[in-house]
Protein backbone atom coordinates (compact mmCIF):
# COMPACT_ATOMS: atom_id res chain seq x y z
CA MET A 1 49.42 63.45 -69.74
CA GLU A 2 51.04 63.17 -66.33
CA GLN A 3 48.67 65.80 -64.91
CA VAL A 4 45.55 64.17 -66.38
CA PHE A 5 46.21 60.66 -65.17
CA GLY A 6 47.86 61.90 -62.00
CA TYR A 7 44.59 63.68 -61.20
CA ILE A 8 42.58 60.49 -61.83
CA ILE A 9 44.88 58.40 -59.64
CA GLY A 10 44.83 61.12 -57.01
CA LEU A 11 41.05 60.87 -56.70
CA GLY A 12 41.48 57.27 -55.56
CA ALA A 13 39.36 54.19 -56.02
CA ALA A 14 36.80 55.36 -53.44
CA VAL A 15 35.89 58.34 -55.63
CA MET A 16 36.41 56.96 -59.12
CA MET A 17 34.72 53.57 -58.64
CA PRO A 18 31.23 55.07 -58.10
CA ILE A 19 31.73 57.13 -61.27
CA ILE A 20 33.06 54.20 -63.34
CA PHE A 21 30.41 51.77 -62.13
CA THR A 22 27.57 54.24 -62.62
CA ILE A 23 28.62 54.89 -66.23
CA LEU A 24 29.25 51.19 -66.86
CA GLY A 25 25.92 50.20 -65.30
CA VAL A 26 23.90 52.68 -67.36
CA CYS A 27 25.70 51.58 -70.54
CA ILE A 28 24.74 47.92 -69.97
CA GLY A 29 21.11 48.71 -69.23
CA ILE A 30 20.89 49.06 -65.44
CA LYS A 31 18.74 51.84 -63.98
CA PHE A 32 20.76 54.90 -62.99
CA SER A 33 19.82 54.65 -59.31
CA LYS A 34 20.78 50.96 -59.13
CA ALA A 35 24.07 51.54 -60.97
CA LEU A 36 24.89 54.48 -58.69
CA LYS A 37 24.20 52.42 -55.57
CA SER A 38 26.46 49.63 -56.85
CA GLY A 39 29.27 52.08 -57.42
CA LEU A 40 28.78 53.76 -54.07
CA LEU A 41 28.89 50.43 -52.23
CA VAL A 42 32.19 49.56 -53.92
CA GLY A 43 33.52 53.04 -53.12
CA VAL A 44 32.48 52.71 -49.47
CA GLY A 45 34.17 49.31 -49.41
CA PHE A 46 37.47 50.89 -50.48
CA VAL A 47 37.10 53.60 -47.83
CA GLY A 48 36.42 51.01 -45.12
CA LEU A 49 39.34 48.87 -46.24
CA SER A 50 41.75 51.82 -46.20
CA VAL A 51 40.58 52.76 -42.68
CA VAL A 52 41.11 49.20 -41.38
CA THR A 53 44.49 48.91 -43.12
CA ALA A 54 45.54 52.22 -41.60
CA LEU A 55 44.49 50.89 -38.18
CA LEU A 56 46.62 47.79 -38.72
CA THR A 57 49.65 49.81 -39.84
CA SER A 58 49.42 52.50 -37.15
CA SER A 59 48.89 49.94 -34.38
CA LEU A 60 51.33 47.24 -35.42
CA GLY A 61 54.09 49.46 -36.87
CA PRO A 62 55.33 51.09 -33.62
CA ALA A 63 55.28 47.76 -31.76
CA LEU A 64 57.30 46.01 -34.47
CA SER A 65 59.75 48.91 -34.62
CA GLN A 66 60.24 48.61 -30.88
CA VAL A 67 60.86 44.86 -31.21
CA VAL A 68 63.46 45.55 -33.91
CA GLU A 69 65.21 48.08 -31.66
CA ILE A 70 65.19 45.89 -28.53
CA TYR A 71 66.55 42.77 -30.23
CA GLY A 72 68.86 44.55 -32.69
CA LEU A 73 67.15 43.16 -35.77
CA GLN A 74 67.83 46.12 -38.08
CA LEU A 75 69.06 45.14 -41.55
CA LYS A 76 70.52 47.46 -44.16
CA ILE A 77 67.54 47.54 -46.58
CA PHE A 78 64.85 49.96 -45.40
CA ASP A 79 61.24 48.82 -45.95
CA MET A 80 59.48 51.66 -47.79
CA GLY A 81 56.09 49.92 -48.07
CA TRP A 82 53.74 49.95 -51.05
CA PRO A 83 52.72 53.67 -50.90
CA ALA A 84 56.33 54.73 -51.38
CA ALA A 85 56.83 52.08 -54.08
CA ALA A 86 53.75 53.41 -55.89
CA ALA A 87 55.08 56.96 -55.59
CA VAL A 88 58.38 55.85 -57.10
CA ALA A 89 56.49 54.17 -59.94
CA TYR A 90 54.21 57.09 -60.81
CA ASN A 91 56.83 59.86 -60.44
CA THR A 92 58.71 58.66 -63.52
CA THR A 93 58.25 59.00 -67.26
CA VAL A 94 57.07 55.40 -67.41
CA GLY A 95 54.50 56.04 -64.69
CA ALA A 96 53.16 59.16 -66.40
CA PHE A 97 52.13 57.19 -69.50
CA ILE A 98 51.51 53.73 -68.03
CA ILE A 99 47.70 53.96 -67.91
CA PRO A 100 47.06 54.93 -71.58
CA VAL A 101 49.76 52.55 -72.82
CA CYS A 102 48.40 49.58 -70.86
CA LEU A 103 44.78 50.37 -71.75
CA GLY A 104 45.83 50.41 -75.41
CA VAL A 105 47.52 47.02 -75.01
CA ASN A 106 44.39 45.69 -73.27
CA ILE A 107 42.13 46.83 -76.14
CA LEU A 108 44.48 45.32 -78.74
CA MET A 109 44.51 41.99 -76.90
CA LEU A 110 40.70 41.98 -76.65
CA LEU A 111 40.44 42.59 -80.39
CA THR A 112 42.91 39.79 -81.18
CA LYS A 113 41.22 37.46 -78.66
CA THR A 114 44.42 37.00 -76.68
CA THR A 115 42.69 38.02 -73.44
CA ARG A 116 39.14 38.16 -72.10
CA THR A 117 39.85 40.50 -69.18
CA VAL A 118 38.99 44.21 -69.22
CA ASN A 119 41.34 45.60 -66.58
CA ILE A 120 39.70 48.59 -64.86
CA ASP A 121 41.85 48.27 -61.71
CA LEU A 122 43.67 51.50 -62.61
CA TRP A 123 45.08 52.07 -59.11
CA ASN A 124 47.14 48.89 -59.28
CA TYR A 125 48.71 49.90 -62.58
CA TRP A 126 51.55 51.20 -60.42
CA HIS A 127 52.88 47.62 -60.34
CA PHE A 128 53.52 47.77 -64.08
CA ALA A 129 54.97 51.28 -63.75
CA PHE A 130 57.19 49.98 -60.93
CA ILE A 131 58.98 47.32 -62.94
CA GLY A 132 59.19 49.73 -65.87
CA ALA A 133 60.69 52.47 -63.67
CA VAL A 134 63.31 50.18 -62.11
CA VAL A 135 64.39 48.90 -65.55
CA TYR A 136 64.33 52.47 -66.90
CA PHE A 137 66.73 53.80 -64.25
CA ALA A 138 68.96 50.72 -64.31
CA SER A 139 69.35 50.75 -68.10
CA ASP A 140 68.93 54.52 -68.62
CA SER A 141 66.51 53.73 -71.44
CA ILE A 142 62.82 54.68 -71.55
CA LEU A 143 62.23 52.06 -74.27
CA TRP A 144 63.51 49.25 -72.08
CA GLY A 145 61.33 50.57 -69.26
CA PHE A 146 58.14 50.47 -71.33
CA PHE A 147 59.11 47.09 -72.79
CA ALA A 148 59.35 45.58 -69.29
CA ALA A 149 56.06 47.18 -68.19
CA ILE A 150 54.15 45.96 -71.27
CA ILE A 151 55.52 42.41 -71.01
CA CYS A 152 54.46 42.31 -67.36
CA TYR A 153 50.99 43.63 -68.27
CA ILE A 154 50.42 41.03 -70.99
CA ILE A 155 51.54 38.14 -68.75
CA THR A 156 49.31 39.41 -65.95
CA LEU A 157 46.22 39.58 -68.19
CA ILE A 158 46.84 36.01 -69.34
CA SER A 159 47.28 34.93 -65.70
CA ALA A 160 43.94 36.58 -64.89
CA ASP A 161 42.28 34.56 -67.66
CA TYR A 162 43.97 31.36 -66.49
CA THR A 163 42.73 31.74 -62.91
CA ALA A 164 39.32 33.33 -63.67
CA LYS A 165 37.20 30.17 -63.60
CA LYS A 166 38.75 28.78 -60.41
CA PHE A 167 38.60 32.21 -58.82
CA GLN A 168 34.90 32.64 -59.62
CA ASN A 169 34.04 29.12 -58.47
CA PHE A 170 35.88 29.48 -55.18
CA TYR A 171 34.71 32.95 -54.12
CA PRO A 172 30.92 33.42 -54.00
CA GLY A 173 29.54 36.46 -55.80
CA MET A 174 32.59 36.93 -58.05
CA GLU A 175 31.02 35.79 -61.33
CA GLY A 176 32.43 37.77 -64.26
CA ILE A 177 35.40 39.07 -62.20
CA SER A 178 39.10 38.29 -62.60
CA ILE A 179 42.22 39.56 -60.80
CA PRO A 180 44.85 41.13 -63.12
CA GLN A 181 47.23 42.28 -60.38
CA PRO A 182 50.84 41.14 -60.92
CA PHE A 183 51.73 40.85 -57.22
CA CYS A 184 48.95 38.27 -56.72
CA ALA A 185 49.67 36.59 -60.06
CA GLY A 186 53.32 36.21 -59.11
CA PHE A 187 52.37 33.58 -56.53
CA ILE A 188 50.50 31.38 -59.03
CA PRO A 189 53.63 29.41 -60.15
CA PHE A 190 54.50 28.68 -56.50
CA ALA A 191 50.91 27.67 -55.74
CA VAL A 192 50.60 25.31 -58.72
CA ALA A 193 54.00 23.65 -58.22
CA ILE A 194 53.87 23.27 -54.42
CA ASN A 195 50.23 22.17 -54.48
CA LYS A 196 51.11 19.33 -56.90
CA ILE A 197 54.11 18.28 -54.81
CA LEU A 198 52.04 18.19 -51.61
CA ASP A 199 49.33 16.15 -53.35
CA LYS A 200 51.92 13.47 -54.12
CA ILE A 201 52.86 13.04 -50.45
CA PRO A 202 51.02 9.96 -49.08
CA GLY A 203 48.49 10.85 -46.42
CA PHE A 204 48.80 14.60 -46.89
CA ASP A 205 45.25 14.81 -48.20
CA LYS A 206 44.08 13.78 -44.71
CA LEU A 207 45.57 17.00 -43.33
CA TYR A 208 43.07 19.12 -45.23
CA ILE A 209 41.54 21.78 -43.05
CA ASP A 210 40.03 25.10 -44.08
CA ALA A 211 39.15 28.09 -41.92
CA GLU A 212 35.68 26.74 -41.19
CA GLY A 213 37.22 23.42 -40.21
CA MET A 214 39.54 25.23 -37.81
CA LYS A 215 36.52 26.83 -36.14
CA LYS A 216 34.84 23.43 -35.73
CA LYS A 217 37.98 21.70 -34.48
CA PHE A 218 39.40 24.39 -32.21
CA GLY A 219 36.30 26.44 -31.44
CA LEU A 220 37.15 29.99 -30.38
CA LEU A 221 40.88 29.25 -30.76
CA GLY A 222 40.38 28.77 -34.50
CA GLU A 223 38.61 32.08 -35.04
CA PRO A 224 40.57 34.81 -36.93
CA LEU A 225 39.27 37.23 -34.29
CA PHE A 226 40.89 35.26 -31.45
CA LEU A 227 44.12 34.63 -33.39
CA GLY A 228 44.37 38.35 -34.08
CA ILE A 229 44.05 39.14 -30.38
CA VAL A 230 46.66 36.52 -29.39
CA ILE A 231 49.24 37.59 -31.98
CA GLY A 232 48.62 41.29 -31.29
CA CYS A 233 49.15 40.76 -27.56
CA GLY A 234 52.25 38.63 -28.26
CA ILE A 235 53.90 41.29 -30.45
CA ALA A 236 53.07 44.00 -27.92
CA ALA A 237 54.57 41.89 -25.12
CA LEU A 238 57.78 41.41 -27.11
CA SER A 239 58.09 45.20 -27.42
CA CYS A 240 58.67 45.47 -23.64
CA HIS A 241 62.26 45.79 -22.37
CA ASN A 242 61.76 43.93 -19.10
CA GLY A 243 59.22 42.34 -16.78
CA GLN A 244 58.36 45.59 -15.01
CA GLU A 245 57.63 47.34 -18.29
CA LEU A 246 55.54 44.33 -19.30
CA VAL A 247 53.37 44.83 -16.20
CA ASP A 248 53.13 48.59 -16.73
CA LYS A 249 52.12 48.17 -20.37
CA ILE A 250 49.32 45.64 -19.82
CA PRO A 251 46.67 48.14 -21.02
CA TYR A 252 48.73 48.77 -24.18
CA ILE A 253 49.24 45.02 -24.75
CA LEU A 254 45.54 44.27 -24.40
CA GLY A 255 44.67 47.28 -26.54
CA LEU A 256 46.90 46.15 -29.43
CA GLY A 257 45.41 42.66 -29.18
CA ILE A 258 41.87 44.03 -29.45
CA LYS A 259 42.86 46.23 -32.41
CA MET A 260 44.38 43.27 -34.26
CA GLY A 261 41.27 41.23 -33.51
CA ALA A 262 39.13 44.10 -34.80
CA VAL A 263 41.06 44.14 -38.08
CA MET A 264 40.50 40.40 -38.52
CA GLU A 265 36.78 40.78 -37.83
CA LEU A 266 36.14 43.97 -39.83
CA ILE A 267 37.92 43.05 -43.08
CA PRO A 268 35.44 40.30 -44.08
CA ARG A 269 32.49 42.53 -43.21
CA ILE A 270 33.88 45.35 -45.35
CA THR A 271 34.69 43.11 -48.31
CA GLY A 272 31.04 42.01 -48.22
CA LEU A 273 30.23 45.52 -49.51
CA PHE A 274 32.27 44.80 -52.64
CA ILE A 275 30.25 41.68 -53.38
CA GLU A 276 26.95 43.49 -52.80
CA GLY A 277 28.02 46.32 -55.12
CA LEU A 278 29.49 44.10 -57.84
CA LYS A 279 26.63 41.64 -58.16
CA PRO A 280 24.18 43.83 -60.17
CA ILE A 281 26.99 44.89 -62.54
CA SER A 282 28.34 41.38 -63.10
CA ASP A 283 24.85 39.91 -63.58
CA ALA A 284 23.85 42.58 -66.10
CA THR A 285 27.16 42.23 -67.96
CA ARG A 286 26.74 38.47 -68.39
CA GLU A 287 23.14 38.89 -69.58
CA LEU A 288 24.14 41.56 -72.10
CA ILE A 289 27.01 39.49 -73.49
CA ALA A 290 24.83 36.39 -73.75
CA ARG A 291 22.12 38.38 -75.52
CA LYS A 292 24.05 40.61 -77.92
CA PHE A 293 27.72 39.66 -77.95
CA LYS A 294 27.90 35.90 -78.30
CA GLY A 295 31.45 36.12 -79.59
CA ALA A 296 32.58 37.79 -76.37
CA VAL A 297 31.46 34.98 -74.08
CA GLY A 298 33.54 34.67 -70.95
CA LEU A 299 34.51 38.35 -70.85
CA ASN A 300 35.64 39.34 -67.33
CA ILE A 301 36.05 42.64 -65.51
CA GLY A 302 39.53 42.94 -63.99
CA MET A 303 39.26 44.19 -60.41
CA SER A 304 41.40 44.67 -57.30
CA PRO A 305 42.17 41.63 -55.10
CA ALA A 306 40.85 43.76 -52.22
CA LEU A 307 37.45 42.25 -53.08
CA VAL A 308 38.34 38.91 -51.52
CA ILE A 309 41.03 39.47 -48.88
CA GLY A 310 38.38 38.97 -46.20
CA HIS A 311 38.30 35.19 -46.74
CA PRO A 312 38.91 33.44 -43.38
CA THR A 313 41.80 31.35 -44.71
CA THR A 314 43.54 34.48 -46.02
CA LEU A 315 43.15 36.18 -42.65
CA VAL A 316 44.43 33.20 -40.65
CA VAL A 317 47.42 32.44 -42.88
CA SER A 318 48.40 36.11 -43.29
CA LEU A 319 48.27 36.62 -39.55
CA LEU A 320 50.47 33.58 -38.89
CA LEU A 321 52.98 34.63 -41.54
CA ILE A 322 53.57 38.12 -40.11
CA PRO A 323 55.79 37.00 -37.20
CA VAL A 324 57.18 34.07 -39.22
CA THR A 325 58.31 36.39 -42.04
CA ILE A 326 60.08 38.69 -39.59
CA LEU A 327 61.88 35.70 -38.07
CA LEU A 328 62.87 34.42 -41.51
CA ALA A 329 64.21 37.83 -42.50
CA VAL A 330 66.53 37.79 -39.48
CA ILE A 331 67.82 34.21 -39.72
CA LEU A 332 68.08 33.66 -43.50
CA PRO A 333 71.72 33.90 -44.62
CA GLY A 334 72.29 36.55 -47.26
CA ASN A 335 68.99 38.34 -46.71
CA GLU A 336 69.31 42.05 -45.92
CA PHE A 337 65.65 43.11 -46.00
CA LEU A 338 63.46 43.33 -42.89
CA PRO A 339 59.77 43.75 -43.83
CA LEU A 340 57.83 46.07 -41.52
CA ALA A 341 55.84 48.64 -43.51
CA SER A 342 55.07 45.99 -46.14
CA LEU A 343 53.43 43.57 -43.70
CA ALA A 344 50.02 45.22 -44.15
CA GLY A 345 50.11 43.88 -47.72
CA MET A 346 50.41 40.27 -46.52
CA PHE A 347 46.68 39.74 -47.15
CA TYR A 348 47.24 40.26 -50.89
CA VAL A 349 49.49 37.21 -51.24
CA PHE A 350 46.60 34.74 -51.21
CA PRO A 351 43.61 35.83 -53.39
CA LEU A 352 44.78 33.65 -56.31
CA VAL A 353 46.42 30.97 -54.14
CA LEU A 354 43.27 29.85 -52.32
CA PRO A 355 41.38 28.77 -55.48
CA ILE A 356 44.30 26.43 -56.21
CA THR A 357 44.59 25.03 -52.67
CA LYS A 358 40.78 25.07 -52.25
CA GLY A 359 41.19 27.08 -49.07
CA ASN A 360 43.46 24.54 -47.34
CA VAL A 361 45.10 26.44 -44.46
CA LEU A 362 48.22 24.23 -44.27
CA LYS A 363 48.85 24.23 -48.03
CA SER A 364 48.29 28.00 -48.27
CA PHE A 365 50.66 28.60 -45.34
CA LEU A 366 53.43 26.46 -46.87
CA ILE A 367 53.04 28.16 -50.26
CA GLY A 368 53.18 31.58 -48.63
CA LEU A 369 56.20 30.53 -46.58
CA VAL A 370 58.19 29.35 -49.61
CA ALA A 371 57.14 32.26 -51.84
CA LEU A 372 57.98 34.90 -49.22
CA THR A 373 61.30 33.24 -48.40
CA VAL A 374 62.29 33.48 -52.05
CA GLY A 375 60.74 36.95 -52.20
CA LEU A 376 63.03 38.27 -49.45
CA TYR A 377 66.02 37.37 -51.61
CA PHE A 378 64.38 39.01 -54.64
CA VAL A 379 63.97 42.26 -52.68
CA THR A 380 67.59 42.06 -51.48
CA ASP A 381 68.84 41.50 -55.03
CA MET A 382 66.84 44.39 -56.52
CA ALA A 383 67.46 46.86 -53.67
CA PRO A 384 70.30 48.84 -55.35
CA HIS A 385 68.18 49.43 -58.45
CA PHE A 386 65.06 50.22 -56.42
CA THR A 387 67.13 52.72 -54.40
CA GLN A 388 68.28 54.45 -57.56
CA ALA A 389 64.69 54.85 -58.76
CA ALA A 390 63.46 55.93 -55.30
CA ASN A 391 66.13 58.62 -54.93
CA ASP A 392 65.28 60.06 -58.34
CA ALA A 393 61.54 60.02 -57.53
CA TYR A 394 62.19 61.82 -54.26
CA ALA A 395 64.30 64.47 -56.01
CA THR A 396 61.51 64.91 -58.58
CA THR A 397 58.82 65.42 -55.94
CA VAL A 398 61.00 67.92 -54.06
CA ALA A 399 61.56 69.84 -57.30
CA LYS A 400 57.77 69.94 -57.79
CA GLY A 401 57.31 71.32 -54.29
CA SER A 402 55.80 68.07 -52.95
CA PRO A 403 58.49 66.53 -50.72
CA ASP A 404 55.91 64.18 -49.18
CA GLY A 405 55.08 62.65 -52.56
CA ALA A 406 57.72 59.97 -52.08
CA LEU A 407 59.57 58.67 -49.04
CA LYS A 408 63.25 59.53 -48.59
CA ILE A 409 65.50 56.54 -47.85
CA PRO A 410 67.43 57.13 -44.60
CA ASP A 411 71.16 57.73 -44.95
CA GLY A 412 73.21 54.55 -44.86
CA PHE A 413 70.31 52.38 -46.05
CA GLU A 414 69.08 51.01 -49.33
CA GLY A 415 65.36 50.89 -50.15
CA GLY A 416 63.02 48.01 -50.83
CA ALA A 417 59.40 46.88 -50.58
CA LEU A 418 57.80 43.46 -50.29
CA ASP A 419 54.92 44.56 -52.53
CA PHE A 420 55.74 43.38 -56.06
CA ALA A 421 59.53 43.69 -55.55
CA SER A 422 59.24 40.20 -54.04
CA SER A 423 57.32 38.89 -57.06
CA ILE A 424 58.89 36.35 -59.39
CA PHE A 425 57.46 38.39 -62.29
CA SER A 426 59.41 41.53 -61.40
CA TRP A 427 62.65 39.68 -60.71
CA ILE A 428 62.66 37.59 -63.91
CA ILE A 429 61.54 40.44 -66.17
CA PHE A 430 64.09 42.80 -64.63
CA HIS A 431 67.07 40.45 -65.03
CA LEU A 432 66.14 39.25 -68.51
CA THR A 433 65.68 42.85 -69.64
CA TYR A 434 68.54 44.57 -67.79
CA THR A 435 71.15 41.84 -67.28
CA PHE A 436 70.82 39.92 -70.56
CA LYS A 437 69.58 42.82 -72.74
CA TYR A 438 68.62 41.67 -76.25
CA ILE A 439 68.97 37.95 -75.55
CA GLY A 440 66.76 38.27 -72.48
CA ALA A 441 64.30 40.48 -74.37
CA GLY A 442 64.11 37.86 -77.12
CA ILE A 443 63.34 35.14 -74.56
CA LEU A 444 60.61 37.32 -73.01
CA VAL A 445 59.05 38.08 -76.40
CA LEU A 446 59.00 34.42 -77.43
CA CYS A 447 57.54 33.26 -74.11
CA THR A 448 54.94 36.04 -74.12
CA LEU A 449 53.89 35.31 -77.71
CA ALA A 450 53.59 31.60 -76.85
CA LEU A 451 51.34 32.47 -73.89
CA MET A 452 49.22 34.76 -76.07
CA ILE A 453 48.75 32.05 -78.71
CA TRP A 454 47.89 29.47 -76.03
CA ASN A 455 45.40 31.86 -74.44
CA ARG A 456 43.82 32.72 -77.80
CA ARG A 457 43.24 29.02 -78.53
CA ALA A 458 41.65 28.57 -75.11
CA ILE A 459 39.36 31.58 -75.68
CA ILE A 460 38.29 30.40 -79.15
CA LYS A 461 37.63 26.91 -77.78
CA LEU A 462 35.49 28.41 -75.01
CA GLN A 463 33.52 30.50 -77.50
CA LYS A 464 32.89 27.54 -79.82
CA LYS A 465 31.68 25.48 -76.89
CA ALA A 466 29.31 28.26 -75.84
CA ALA A 467 28.02 28.68 -79.39
CA SER A 468 27.17 24.97 -79.65
CA GLU A 469 25.18 24.96 -76.40
CA PRO A 470 21.40 25.59 -76.63
CA VAL A 471 20.27 29.03 -75.53
CA GLU A 472 18.05 29.02 -72.44
CA LYS A 473 14.77 30.87 -72.88
């Protein structure tokens, strides 16, 4: 089982998406050539996104490391980044079986009408394996590990249903798509609560400004491209030891600025490929459901949040939060985690936040600021347990003859990652499962069942409403 699904995951989204979308497209009545083109466009989008992300990491990483060294900012929890976290997740017993187990849960929930999302985002199943693996090693029980992973999966599917309509209305071309990724879903409670609090502040509504508004108000200064150049140059300048080195490294400083600006400009262009590829599939799916499966109205395809990280507000807010998060990590009392490798994942904080804030830059920034502040403490709290899982995963990969399969934590450090370890989902599920055992498990079961019943009622209500509406000829 591990070899089969390990092979599928190893192919990556860029290879598997054309295959999945071609098969799906043919099954729902699209011509083979059109279905193949849709899949290829999505696959090319993933390739382009990985290239741009690699550019961001390779360019920004050394400069940030130099800043850390110059100003003595090193903390005791080593940032492993999401690739290492995914390796930890998949190189465990929980990870080996996570895909078939979660797909089985998804099918069962579709049959019982407790979800309307078909989650084909297989590459982000590592998030569920991650929480399962950490619980597994902390409790030394495979059953507790799978319990935590399944609970997280169910809650995430319900979150995807809850946000689907707002998500589709906010992002053009995303009809029939939802986002069942737990890292993104973990920011929904913060977004809902903080958004309501800000709405109650007199006069705050007058501060509304989205990314397009920034361009109109500040001109070139409000462009993500220009902000990327400024912040890139600023970080590069901070990596210089003295004034003379600053002068000598002017070409490097300008080069990093241009690279950061390129990332900000290229991401939205690349994510446009996703929309172009998804549109024929989503249109055909809705037509088929409306024509033959009236009872399945509102069914959504669960996809990666990578589809929408090119939104201008996401780019602007993520870019601003990179230096702010580093500063917070250094000055917050009790925090021991300094995010560096994880900063490339900053863009994935906001896909489900923007539909709630309606793209408001200030609101989105404040929500991200609060959520990441809390998230730093979550990572610090879970670091010993993450380290235990990471060390075992590294030993496993070495035994298999693949020492590069997982990252070794440097001696004297603990391991952590901002990606999902900072999520409220992972922290609550972990402590209720591991710390409070059966009492915590009972609370999780009751809350999850309540959410499933609530979601089922919402789905049935939606289907009845659709059935009562006249069919357009």
